[in-house]
């Protein structure tokens, strides 16, 4: 059974290759999500409606990815009290720094939690951690997820200790 509900919204379908990482981690953790393309500039009324109806549609967290001017996360946050996590998308002109600044510089009263440039996976993890406050099942899955990550690091260290630096690096090629 899927629990919680997260909306993953992006300003353009060209953002989907980045935003799929949020969807994948939510699915891995058993969290229900819906995915939308909705531009803050091209379809502002649709974007506002997504945010205004989010709570009645069972949405508990919104993850919004946008590049360039990157107004989407802030616009969504302006129309709801549900937590919004912004994912700055890397751009060809300023490598995503423009997106990062647009999302992180929100005015007082309209917060948007912001992850790294192209950090959709972390956005999914942060959404899960928010939901874990309400859902013990998500909290347990987050504990398991973090243990898996720690186990992977320990396995890599054991391999490094066994092989040495040069052989380890040769195996990475």
N, C-alpha and C. Protein backbone atom coordinates (compact mmCIF):
# COMPACT_ATOMS: atom_id res chain seq x y z
N UNK A 1 0.85 -1.19 0.00
CA UNK A 1 0.00 0.00 0.00
C UNK A 1 0.88 1.24 0.00
N UNK A 2 0.58 2.16 -0.88
CA UNK A 2 1.32 3.41 -0.95
C UNK A 2 0.75 4.37 0.08
N UNK A 3 1.65 5.15 0.67
CA UNK A 3 1.22 6.08 1.70
C UNK A 3 1.70 7.48 1.39
N UNK A 4 1.08 8.45 2.04
CA UNK A 4 1.45 9.83 1.77
C UNK A 4 1.09 10.20 0.35
N UNK A 5 1.33 11.41 0.01
CA UNK A 5 1.09 11.82 -1.37
C UNK A 5 1.91 13.06 -1.65
N UNK A 6 2.74 12.95 -2.67
CA UNK A 6 3.62 14.04 -3.06
C UNK A 6 3.31 14.42 -4.50
N UNK A 7 3.24 15.70 -4.77
CA UNK A 7 3.12 16.18 -6.14
C UNK A 7 4.51 16.59 -6.61
N UNK A 8 4.93 16.04 -7.74
CA UNK A 8 6.18 16.43 -8.37
C UNK A 8 5.80 17.25 -9.59
N UNK A 9 6.19 18.52 -9.58
CA UNK A 9 5.78 19.46 -10.62
C UNK A 9 7.03 20.04 -11.26
N UNK A 10 6.99 20.17 -12.57
CA UNK A 10 8.12 20.78 -13.27
C UNK A 10 7.60 21.77 -14.29
N UNK A 11 8.42 22.76 -14.60
CA UNK A 11 8.02 23.82 -15.51
C UNK A 11 8.00 23.40 -16.97
N UNK A 12 8.73 22.33 -17.29
CA UNK A 12 8.83 21.87 -18.68
C UNK A 12 9.13 20.38 -18.68
N UNK A 13 8.71 19.70 -19.74
CA UNK A 13 9.03 18.28 -19.82
C UNK A 13 10.53 18.05 -19.99
N UNK A 14 11.26 19.07 -20.38
CA UNK A 14 12.72 18.93 -20.47
C UNK A 14 13.36 18.77 -19.09
N UNK A 15 12.60 19.07 -18.03
CA UNK A 15 13.07 18.89 -16.65
C UNK A 15 12.88 17.45 -16.16
N UNK A 16 12.12 16.65 -16.90
CA UNK A 16 11.79 15.30 -16.45
C UNK A 16 13.01 14.40 -16.24
N UNK A 17 14.04 14.45 -17.09
CA UNK A 17 15.21 13.60 -16.81
C UNK A 17 15.84 13.86 -15.44
N UNK A 18 15.74 15.07 -14.93
CA UNK A 18 16.24 15.38 -13.58
C UNK A 18 15.20 14.98 -12.53
N UNK A 19 13.96 15.36 -12.76
CA UNK A 19 12.91 15.17 -11.76
C UNK A 19 12.52 13.71 -11.56
N UNK A 20 12.85 12.85 -12.52
CA UNK A 20 12.55 11.42 -12.38
C UNK A 20 13.25 10.83 -11.16
N UNK A 21 14.37 11.44 -10.74
CA UNK A 21 15.08 10.94 -9.56
C UNK A 21 14.24 11.09 -8.29
N UNK A 22 13.44 12.15 -8.21
CA UNK A 22 12.53 12.31 -7.07
C UNK A 22 11.45 11.25 -7.12
N UNK A 23 10.90 11.03 -8.30
CA UNK A 23 9.85 10.03 -8.47
C UNK A 23 10.37 8.64 -8.09
N UNK A 24 11.57 8.31 -8.54
CA UNK A 24 12.15 6.99 -8.27
C UNK A 24 12.33 6.75 -6.77
N UNK A 25 12.84 7.74 -6.05
CA UNK A 25 13.07 7.55 -4.62
C UNK A 25 11.75 7.47 -3.87
N UNK A 26 10.76 8.25 -4.29
CA UNK A 26 9.44 8.17 -3.64
C UNK A 26 8.83 6.79 -3.87
N UNK A 27 8.94 6.29 -5.08
CA UNK A 27 8.42 4.95 -5.38
C UNK A 27 9.15 3.90 -4.55
N UNK A 28 10.48 4.01 -4.44
CA UNK A 28 11.27 3.05 -3.65
C UNK A 28 10.81 3.03 -2.20
N UNK A 29 10.41 4.19 -1.69
CA UNK A 29 9.99 4.30 -0.30
C UNK A 29 8.49 4.05 -0.12
N UNK A 30 7.80 3.70 -1.20
CA UNK A 30 6.37 3.38 -1.12
C UNK A 30 5.47 4.58 -0.95
N UNK A 31 5.93 5.73 -1.39
CA UNK A 31 5.16 6.97 -1.25
C UNK A 31 4.46 7.27 -2.57
N UNK A 32 3.17 7.52 -2.49
CA UNK A 32 2.37 7.84 -3.67
C UNK A 32 2.76 9.21 -4.20
N UNK A 33 2.90 9.31 -5.52
CA UNK A 33 3.19 10.62 -6.09
C UNK A 33 2.48 10.79 -7.43
N UNK A 34 2.22 12.02 -7.74
CA UNK A 34 1.68 12.36 -9.04
C UNK A 34 2.64 13.35 -9.67
N UNK A 35 2.74 13.31 -10.98
CA UNK A 35 3.72 14.12 -11.70
C UNK A 35 2.99 15.03 -12.69
N UNK A 36 3.38 16.31 -12.70
CA UNK A 36 2.73 17.30 -13.58
C UNK A 36 3.76 18.19 -14.26
N UNK A 37 3.43 18.65 -15.45
CA UNK A 37 4.14 19.76 -16.09
C UNK A 37 3.21 20.95 -15.99
N UNK A 38 3.70 22.02 -15.38
CA UNK A 38 2.87 23.20 -15.20
C UNK A 38 3.78 24.42 -15.06
N UNK A 39 3.79 25.26 -16.04
CA UNK A 39 4.66 26.42 -16.06
C UNK A 39 4.06 27.59 -15.29
N UNK A 40 4.88 28.20 -14.45
CA UNK A 40 4.44 29.39 -13.70
C UNK A 40 4.15 30.55 -14.64
N UNK A 41 4.79 30.56 -15.81
CA UNK A 41 4.64 31.67 -16.74
C UNK A 41 3.66 31.38 -17.88
N UNK A 42 3.66 30.15 -18.39
CA UNK A 42 2.83 29.84 -19.55
C UNK A 42 1.42 29.42 -19.19
N UNK A 43 1.25 28.78 -18.04
CA UNK A 43 -0.10 28.39 -17.56
C UNK A 43 -0.24 28.76 -16.08
N UNK A 44 -0.16 30.05 -15.77
CA UNK A 44 -0.17 30.46 -14.36
C UNK A 44 -1.44 30.07 -13.61
N UNK A 45 -2.58 30.08 -14.31
CA UNK A 45 -3.84 29.72 -13.63
C UNK A 45 -3.85 28.23 -13.25
N UNK A 46 -3.34 27.38 -14.15
CA UNK A 46 -3.24 25.95 -13.84
C UNK A 46 -2.30 25.73 -12.66
N UNK A 47 -1.17 26.43 -12.67
CA UNK A 47 -0.19 26.29 -11.60
C UNK A 47 -0.80 26.71 -10.27
N UNK A 48 -1.49 27.83 -10.25
CA UNK A 48 -2.14 28.29 -9.02
C UNK A 48 -3.19 27.27 -8.55
N UNK A 49 -3.96 26.73 -9.48
CA UNK A 49 -5.00 25.76 -9.13
C UNK A 49 -4.39 24.48 -8.56
N UNK A 50 -3.27 24.04 -9.12
CA UNK A 50 -2.58 22.85 -8.57
C UNK A 50 -2.26 23.07 -7.10
N UNK A 51 -1.72 24.23 -6.78
CA UNK A 51 -1.35 24.53 -5.39
C UNK A 51 -2.58 24.72 -4.51
N UNK A 52 -3.56 25.46 -5.01
CA UNK A 52 -4.75 25.74 -4.20
C UNK A 52 -5.55 24.47 -3.89
N UNK A 53 -5.54 23.51 -4.79
CA UNK A 53 -6.31 22.27 -4.60
C UNK A 53 -5.46 21.13 -4.04
N UNK A 54 -4.20 21.38 -3.80
CA UNK A 54 -3.30 20.31 -3.37
C UNK A 54 -3.80 19.62 -2.11
N UNK A 55 -4.12 20.39 -1.10
CA UNK A 55 -4.53 19.79 0.17
C UNK A 55 -5.81 18.97 0.02
N UNK A 56 -6.79 19.49 -0.68
CA UNK A 56 -8.04 18.73 -0.87
C UNK A 56 -7.83 17.49 -1.73
N UNK A 57 -6.77 17.48 -2.52
CA UNK A 57 -6.42 16.31 -3.33
C UNK A 57 -5.49 15.35 -2.59
N UNK A 58 -5.27 15.60 -1.32
CA UNK A 58 -4.47 14.69 -0.50
C UNK A 58 -2.96 14.89 -0.61
N UNK A 59 -2.54 15.94 -1.28
CA UNK A 59 -1.11 16.23 -1.41
C UNK A 59 -0.60 16.75 -0.07
N UNK A 60 0.54 16.20 0.37
CA UNK A 60 1.12 16.61 1.65
C UNK A 60 2.45 17.34 1.50
N UNK A 61 3.10 17.15 0.37
CA UNK A 61 4.35 17.84 0.06
C UNK A 61 4.39 18.05 -1.45
N UNK A 62 4.92 19.20 -1.87
CA UNK A 62 5.11 19.47 -3.29
C UNK A 62 6.61 19.60 -3.56
N UNK A 63 7.06 18.91 -4.60
CA UNK A 63 8.43 19.08 -5.09
C UNK A 63 8.31 19.77 -6.44
N UNK A 64 9.00 20.90 -6.60
CA UNK A 64 8.89 21.67 -7.84
C UNK A 64 10.27 21.93 -8.43
N UNK A 65 10.45 21.50 -9.68
CA UNK A 65 11.71 21.73 -10.37
C UNK A 65 11.55 22.76 -11.46
N UNK A 66 12.51 23.67 -11.55
CA UNK A 66 12.45 24.72 -12.57
C UNK A 66 13.84 25.24 -12.86
N UNK A 67 14.03 25.69 -14.09
CA UNK A 67 15.31 26.25 -14.49
C UNK A 67 15.17 27.71 -14.88
N UNK A 68 16.30 28.37 -15.05
CA UNK A 68 16.29 29.77 -15.46
C UNK A 68 15.70 30.66 -14.38
N UNK A 69 14.66 31.41 -14.74
CA UNK A 69 14.01 32.29 -13.78
C UNK A 69 13.45 31.51 -12.60
N UNK A 70 13.07 30.25 -12.84
CA UNK A 70 12.71 29.29 -11.80
C UNK A 70 11.68 29.81 -10.79
N UNK A 71 10.61 30.39 -11.28
CA UNK A 71 9.58 30.90 -10.39
C UNK A 71 8.59 29.86 -9.90
N UNK A 72 8.56 28.68 -10.54
CA UNK A 72 7.54 27.69 -10.22
C UNK A 72 7.46 27.32 -8.73
N UNK A 73 8.55 26.97 -8.06
CA UNK A 73 8.41 26.62 -6.64
C UNK A 73 7.83 27.76 -5.80
N UNK A 74 8.26 28.98 -6.05
CA UNK A 74 7.74 30.12 -5.29
C UNK A 74 6.28 30.41 -5.57
N UNK A 75 5.88 30.28 -6.81
CA UNK A 75 4.46 30.49 -7.16
C UNK A 75 3.60 29.44 -6.47
N UNK A 76 4.03 28.19 -6.52
CA UNK A 76 3.28 27.14 -5.83
C UNK A 76 3.20 27.42 -4.34
N UNK A 77 4.32 27.81 -3.74
CA UNK A 77 4.35 28.11 -2.31
C UNK A 77 3.45 29.28 -1.93
N UNK A 78 3.29 30.21 -2.86
CA UNK A 78 2.45 31.38 -2.59
C UNK A 78 0.97 31.01 -2.47
N UNK A 79 0.58 29.89 -3.07
CA UNK A 79 -0.83 29.51 -3.11
C UNK A 79 -1.20 28.37 -2.18
N UNK A 80 -0.27 27.92 -1.32
CA UNK A 80 -0.59 26.81 -0.41
C UNK A 80 0.21 26.94 0.88
N UNK A 81 -0.24 26.22 1.89
CA UNK A 81 0.52 26.13 3.14
C UNK A 81 1.26 24.80 3.24
N UNK A 82 1.13 23.96 2.22
CA UNK A 82 1.83 22.67 2.16
C UNK A 82 3.31 22.94 1.91
N UNK A 83 4.21 22.18 2.53
CA UNK A 83 5.64 22.38 2.27
C UNK A 83 5.98 22.21 0.79
N UNK A 84 6.80 23.13 0.28
CA UNK A 84 7.28 23.07 -1.10
C UNK A 84 8.79 22.94 -1.07
N UNK A 85 9.29 21.98 -1.85
CA UNK A 85 10.72 21.77 -1.99
C UNK A 85 11.10 22.14 -3.42
N UNK A 86 12.02 23.07 -3.57
CA UNK A 86 12.45 23.51 -4.89
C UNK A 86 13.69 22.79 -5.37
N UNK A 87 13.67 22.40 -6.64
CA UNK A 87 14.82 21.77 -7.27
C UNK A 87 15.31 22.69 -8.39
N UNK A 88 16.42 23.39 -8.19
CA UNK A 88 16.96 24.22 -9.27
C UNK A 88 17.50 23.31 -10.38
N UNK A 89 17.07 23.56 -11.60
CA UNK A 89 17.50 22.76 -12.74
C UNK A 89 18.69 23.45 -13.41
N UNK A 90 19.71 22.66 -13.73
CA UNK A 90 20.90 23.20 -14.40
C UNK A 90 20.51 23.77 -15.76
N UNK A 91 21.01 24.95 -16.05
CA UNK A 91 20.74 25.60 -17.34
C UNK A 91 22.04 25.67 -18.14
N UNK A 92 21.89 25.90 -19.43
CA UNK A 92 23.08 25.96 -20.28
C UNK A 92 23.81 27.30 -20.15
N UNK A 93 23.10 28.34 -19.75
CA UNK A 93 23.75 29.66 -19.70
C UNK A 93 24.52 29.90 -18.40
N UNK A 94 23.94 29.57 -17.27
CA UNK A 94 24.60 29.84 -15.98
C UNK A 94 24.74 28.59 -15.12
N UNK A 95 24.69 27.43 -15.72
CA UNK A 95 24.88 26.15 -15.02
C UNK A 95 23.94 25.93 -13.84
N UNK A 96 22.80 26.58 -13.82
CA UNK A 96 21.82 26.37 -12.76
C UNK A 96 21.95 27.33 -11.59
N UNK A 97 22.99 28.14 -11.59
CA UNK A 97 23.14 29.11 -10.50
C UNK A 97 21.99 30.11 -10.53
N UNK A 98 21.55 30.47 -11.74
CA UNK A 98 20.39 31.36 -11.87
C UNK A 98 19.15 30.72 -11.26
N UNK A 99 18.96 29.43 -11.52
CA UNK A 99 17.82 28.70 -10.96
C UNK A 99 17.91 28.64 -9.44
N UNK A 100 19.09 28.34 -8.94
CA UNK A 100 19.32 28.25 -7.50
C UNK A 100 18.97 29.57 -6.82
N UNK A 101 19.51 30.66 -7.33
CA UNK A 101 19.23 31.97 -6.73
C UNK A 101 17.74 32.32 -6.79
N UNK A 102 17.09 31.98 -7.90
CA UNK A 102 15.67 32.29 -8.02
C UNK A 102 14.83 31.56 -6.98
N UNK A 103 15.22 30.32 -6.69
CA UNK A 103 14.42 29.52 -5.76
C UNK A 103 14.76 29.82 -4.30
N UNK A 104 16.03 30.01 -4.01
CA UNK A 104 16.45 30.16 -2.62
C UNK A 104 16.13 31.56 -2.06
N UNK A 105 15.99 32.55 -2.92
CA UNK A 105 15.77 33.93 -2.48
C UNK A 105 14.29 34.28 -2.37
N UNK A 106 13.54 33.52 -1.60
CA UNK A 106 12.12 33.78 -1.43
C UNK A 106 11.88 34.87 -0.37
N UNK A 107 10.81 35.64 -0.56
CA UNK A 107 10.53 36.69 0.43
C UNK A 107 10.00 36.10 1.74
N UNK A 108 10.12 36.83 2.83
CA UNK A 108 9.60 36.35 4.11
C UNK A 108 8.13 35.96 3.99
N UNK A 109 7.78 34.83 4.57
CA UNK A 109 6.40 34.35 4.57
C UNK A 109 6.09 33.35 3.47
N UNK A 110 6.97 33.21 2.48
CA UNK A 110 6.77 32.27 1.38
C UNK A 110 8.02 31.38 1.27
N UNK A 111 8.25 30.51 2.26
CA UNK A 111 9.46 29.70 2.22
C UNK A 111 9.37 28.58 1.19
N UNK A 112 10.51 28.28 0.61
CA UNK A 112 10.68 27.10 -0.25
C UNK A 112 11.96 26.42 0.20
N UNK A 113 11.85 25.19 0.67
CA UNK A 113 13.05 24.42 0.99
C UNK A 113 13.76 24.18 -0.34
N UNK A 114 15.06 24.36 -0.38
CA UNK A 114 15.78 24.27 -1.65
C UNK A 114 16.91 23.26 -1.52
N UNK A 115 16.99 22.37 -2.52
CA UNK A 115 18.07 21.40 -2.57
C UNK A 115 19.09 21.86 -3.61
N UNK A 116 20.10 21.07 -3.84
CA UNK A 116 21.16 21.44 -4.77
C UNK A 116 20.68 21.46 -6.22
N UNK A 117 21.47 22.05 -7.08
CA UNK A 117 21.18 22.08 -8.51
C UNK A 117 21.07 20.63 -8.99
N UNK A 118 19.96 20.32 -9.66
CA UNK A 118 19.63 18.97 -10.14
C UNK A 118 19.50 17.96 -8.99
N UNK A 119 19.21 18.42 -7.79
CA UNK A 119 19.15 17.57 -6.61
C UNK A 119 17.78 16.94 -6.35
N UNK A 120 17.15 16.44 -7.39
CA UNK A 120 15.80 15.87 -7.24
C UNK A 120 15.77 14.67 -6.30
N UNK A 121 16.82 13.86 -6.30
CA UNK A 121 16.83 12.71 -5.40
C UNK A 121 16.75 13.18 -3.95
N UNK A 122 17.54 14.20 -3.60
CA UNK A 122 17.48 14.74 -2.24
C UNK A 122 16.11 15.36 -1.95
N UNK A 123 15.49 15.94 -2.95
CA UNK A 123 14.14 16.49 -2.75
C UNK A 123 13.16 15.38 -2.40
N UNK A 124 13.28 14.24 -3.07
CA UNK A 124 12.44 13.10 -2.75
C UNK A 124 12.70 12.58 -1.34
N UNK A 125 13.96 12.53 -0.96
CA UNK A 125 14.32 12.08 0.38
C UNK A 125 13.79 13.06 1.43
N UNK A 126 13.94 14.36 1.17
CA UNK A 126 13.42 15.36 2.11
C UNK A 126 11.90 15.27 2.23
N UNK A 127 11.21 15.07 1.12
CA UNK A 127 9.75 14.89 1.17
C UNK A 127 9.40 13.68 2.03
N UNK A 128 10.15 12.59 1.87
CA UNK A 128 9.91 11.39 2.67
C UNK A 128 10.15 11.67 4.15
N UNK A 129 11.20 12.43 4.47
CA UNK A 129 11.47 12.75 5.86
C UNK A 129 10.36 13.61 6.46
N UNK A 130 9.80 14.50 5.67
CA UNK A 130 8.66 15.30 6.15
C UNK A 130 7.48 14.38 6.43
N UNK A 131 7.19 13.47 5.49
CA UNK A 131 6.07 12.53 5.67
C UNK A 131 6.33 11.56 6.82
N UNK A 132 7.58 11.27 7.10
CA UNK A 132 7.93 10.35 8.19
C UNK A 132 7.48 10.89 9.55
N UNK A 133 7.28 12.18 9.66
CA UNK A 133 6.77 12.75 10.90
C UNK A 133 5.35 12.25 11.19
N UNK A 134 4.61 11.94 10.15
CA UNK A 134 3.21 11.52 10.26
C UNK A 134 3.03 10.01 10.10
N UNK A 135 3.86 9.41 9.24
CA UNK A 135 3.69 8.01 8.89
C UNK A 135 4.85 7.16 9.42
N UNK A 136 4.60 6.33 10.45
CA UNK A 136 5.67 5.47 10.98
C UNK A 136 6.26 4.53 9.92
N UNK A 137 5.44 4.12 8.94
CA UNK A 137 5.94 3.23 7.89
C UNK A 137 7.03 3.91 7.06
N UNK A 138 6.85 5.19 6.80
CA UNK A 138 7.84 5.94 6.04
C UNK A 138 9.09 6.13 6.89
N UNK A 139 8.90 6.41 8.17
CA UNK A 139 10.03 6.57 9.08
C UNK A 139 10.89 5.30 9.07
N UNK A 140 10.25 4.13 9.12
CA UNK A 140 10.98 2.86 9.11
C UNK A 140 11.69 2.66 7.78
N UNK A 141 11.04 2.98 6.68
CA UNK A 141 11.67 2.84 5.36
C UNK A 141 12.86 3.78 5.22
N UNK A 142 12.76 4.98 5.82
CA UNK A 142 13.89 5.91 5.80
C UNK A 142 15.06 5.36 6.61
N UNK A 143 14.78 4.72 7.73
CA UNK A 143 15.85 4.10 8.52
C UNK A 143 16.54 3.01 7.70
N UNK A 144 15.75 2.18 7.02
CA UNK A 144 16.30 1.12 6.19
C UNK A 144 17.13 1.70 5.04
N UNK A 145 16.62 2.76 4.42
CA UNK A 145 17.31 3.41 3.30
C UNK A 145 18.67 3.94 3.75
N UNK A 146 18.70 4.60 4.89
CA UNK A 146 19.96 5.16 5.39
C UNK A 146 20.94 4.05 5.80
N UNK A 147 20.40 2.95 6.32
CA UNK A 147 21.26 1.81 6.66
C UNK A 147 21.86 1.22 5.38
N UNK A 148 21.07 1.10 4.33
CA UNK A 148 21.58 0.59 3.04
C UNK A 148 22.73 1.47 2.53
N UNK A 149 22.56 2.79 2.64
CA UNK A 149 23.62 3.70 2.19
C UNK A 149 24.89 3.49 3.02
N UNK A 150 24.73 3.37 4.33
CA UNK A 150 25.88 3.16 5.21
C UNK A 150 26.56 1.83 4.89
N UNK A 151 25.77 0.79 4.66
CA UNK A 151 26.33 -0.52 4.32
C UNK A 151 27.12 -0.46 3.02
N UNK A 152 26.64 0.30 2.05
CA UNK A 152 27.35 0.45 0.77
C UNK A 152 28.71 1.12 0.97
N UNK A 153 28.74 2.15 1.80
CA UNK A 153 30.00 2.84 2.09
C UNK A 153 30.97 1.89 2.79
N UNK A 154 30.47 1.13 3.75
CA UNK A 154 31.33 0.18 4.47
C UNK A 154 31.89 -0.88 3.52
N UNK A 155 31.07 -1.36 2.59
CA UNK A 155 31.54 -2.36 1.63
C UNK A 155 32.62 -1.78 0.73
N UNK A 156 32.46 -0.53 0.32
CA UNK A 156 33.48 0.12 -0.52
C UNK A 156 34.79 0.29 0.25
N UNK A 157 34.68 0.63 1.52
CA UNK A 157 35.90 0.80 2.32
C UNK A 157 36.62 -0.55 2.50
N UNK A 158 35.86 -1.61 2.76
CA UNK A 158 36.48 -2.94 2.89
C UNK A 158 37.20 -3.31 1.59
N UNK A 159 36.56 -3.06 0.46
CA UNK A 159 37.17 -3.37 -0.83
C UNK A 159 38.45 -2.56 -1.04
N UNK A 160 38.39 -1.26 -0.70
CA UNK A 160 39.57 -0.41 -0.81
C UNK A 160 40.70 -0.92 0.06
N UNK A 161 40.37 -1.33 1.29
CA UNK A 161 41.39 -1.84 2.19
C UNK A 161 42.00 -3.14 1.66
N UNK A 162 41.18 -3.97 1.06
CA UNK A 162 41.65 -5.26 0.51
C UNK A 162 42.51 -5.07 -0.73
N UNK A 163 42.09 -4.18 -1.64
CA UNK A 163 42.75 -4.04 -2.94
C UNK A 163 43.89 -3.03 -2.95
N UNK A 164 43.77 -1.99 -2.17
CA UNK A 164 44.70 -0.87 -2.26
C UNK A 164 44.20 0.14 -3.29
N UNK A 165 44.80 1.31 -3.28
CA UNK A 165 44.32 2.44 -4.09
C UNK A 165 44.37 2.14 -5.58
N UNK A 166 45.52 1.70 -6.08
CA UNK A 166 45.68 1.51 -7.54
C UNK A 166 44.73 0.45 -8.08
N UNK A 167 44.63 -0.70 -7.42
CA UNK A 167 43.76 -1.76 -7.89
C UNK A 167 42.29 -1.34 -7.78
N UNK A 168 41.95 -0.63 -6.72
CA UNK A 168 40.57 -0.15 -6.56
C UNK A 168 40.21 0.78 -7.71
N UNK A 169 41.10 1.73 -7.98
CA UNK A 169 40.83 2.68 -9.08
C UNK A 169 40.77 1.96 -10.42
N UNK A 170 41.60 0.97 -10.64
CA UNK A 170 41.57 0.21 -11.89
C UNK A 170 40.23 -0.50 -12.06
N UNK A 171 39.68 -0.96 -10.97
CA UNK A 171 38.38 -1.63 -11.00
C UNK A 171 37.21 -0.69 -11.23
N UNK A 172 37.43 0.60 -11.01
CA UNK A 172 36.37 1.58 -11.21
C UNK A 172 36.20 1.94 -12.70
N UNK A 173 37.20 1.62 -13.51
CA UNK A 173 37.15 2.02 -14.92
C UNK A 173 36.21 1.22 -15.71
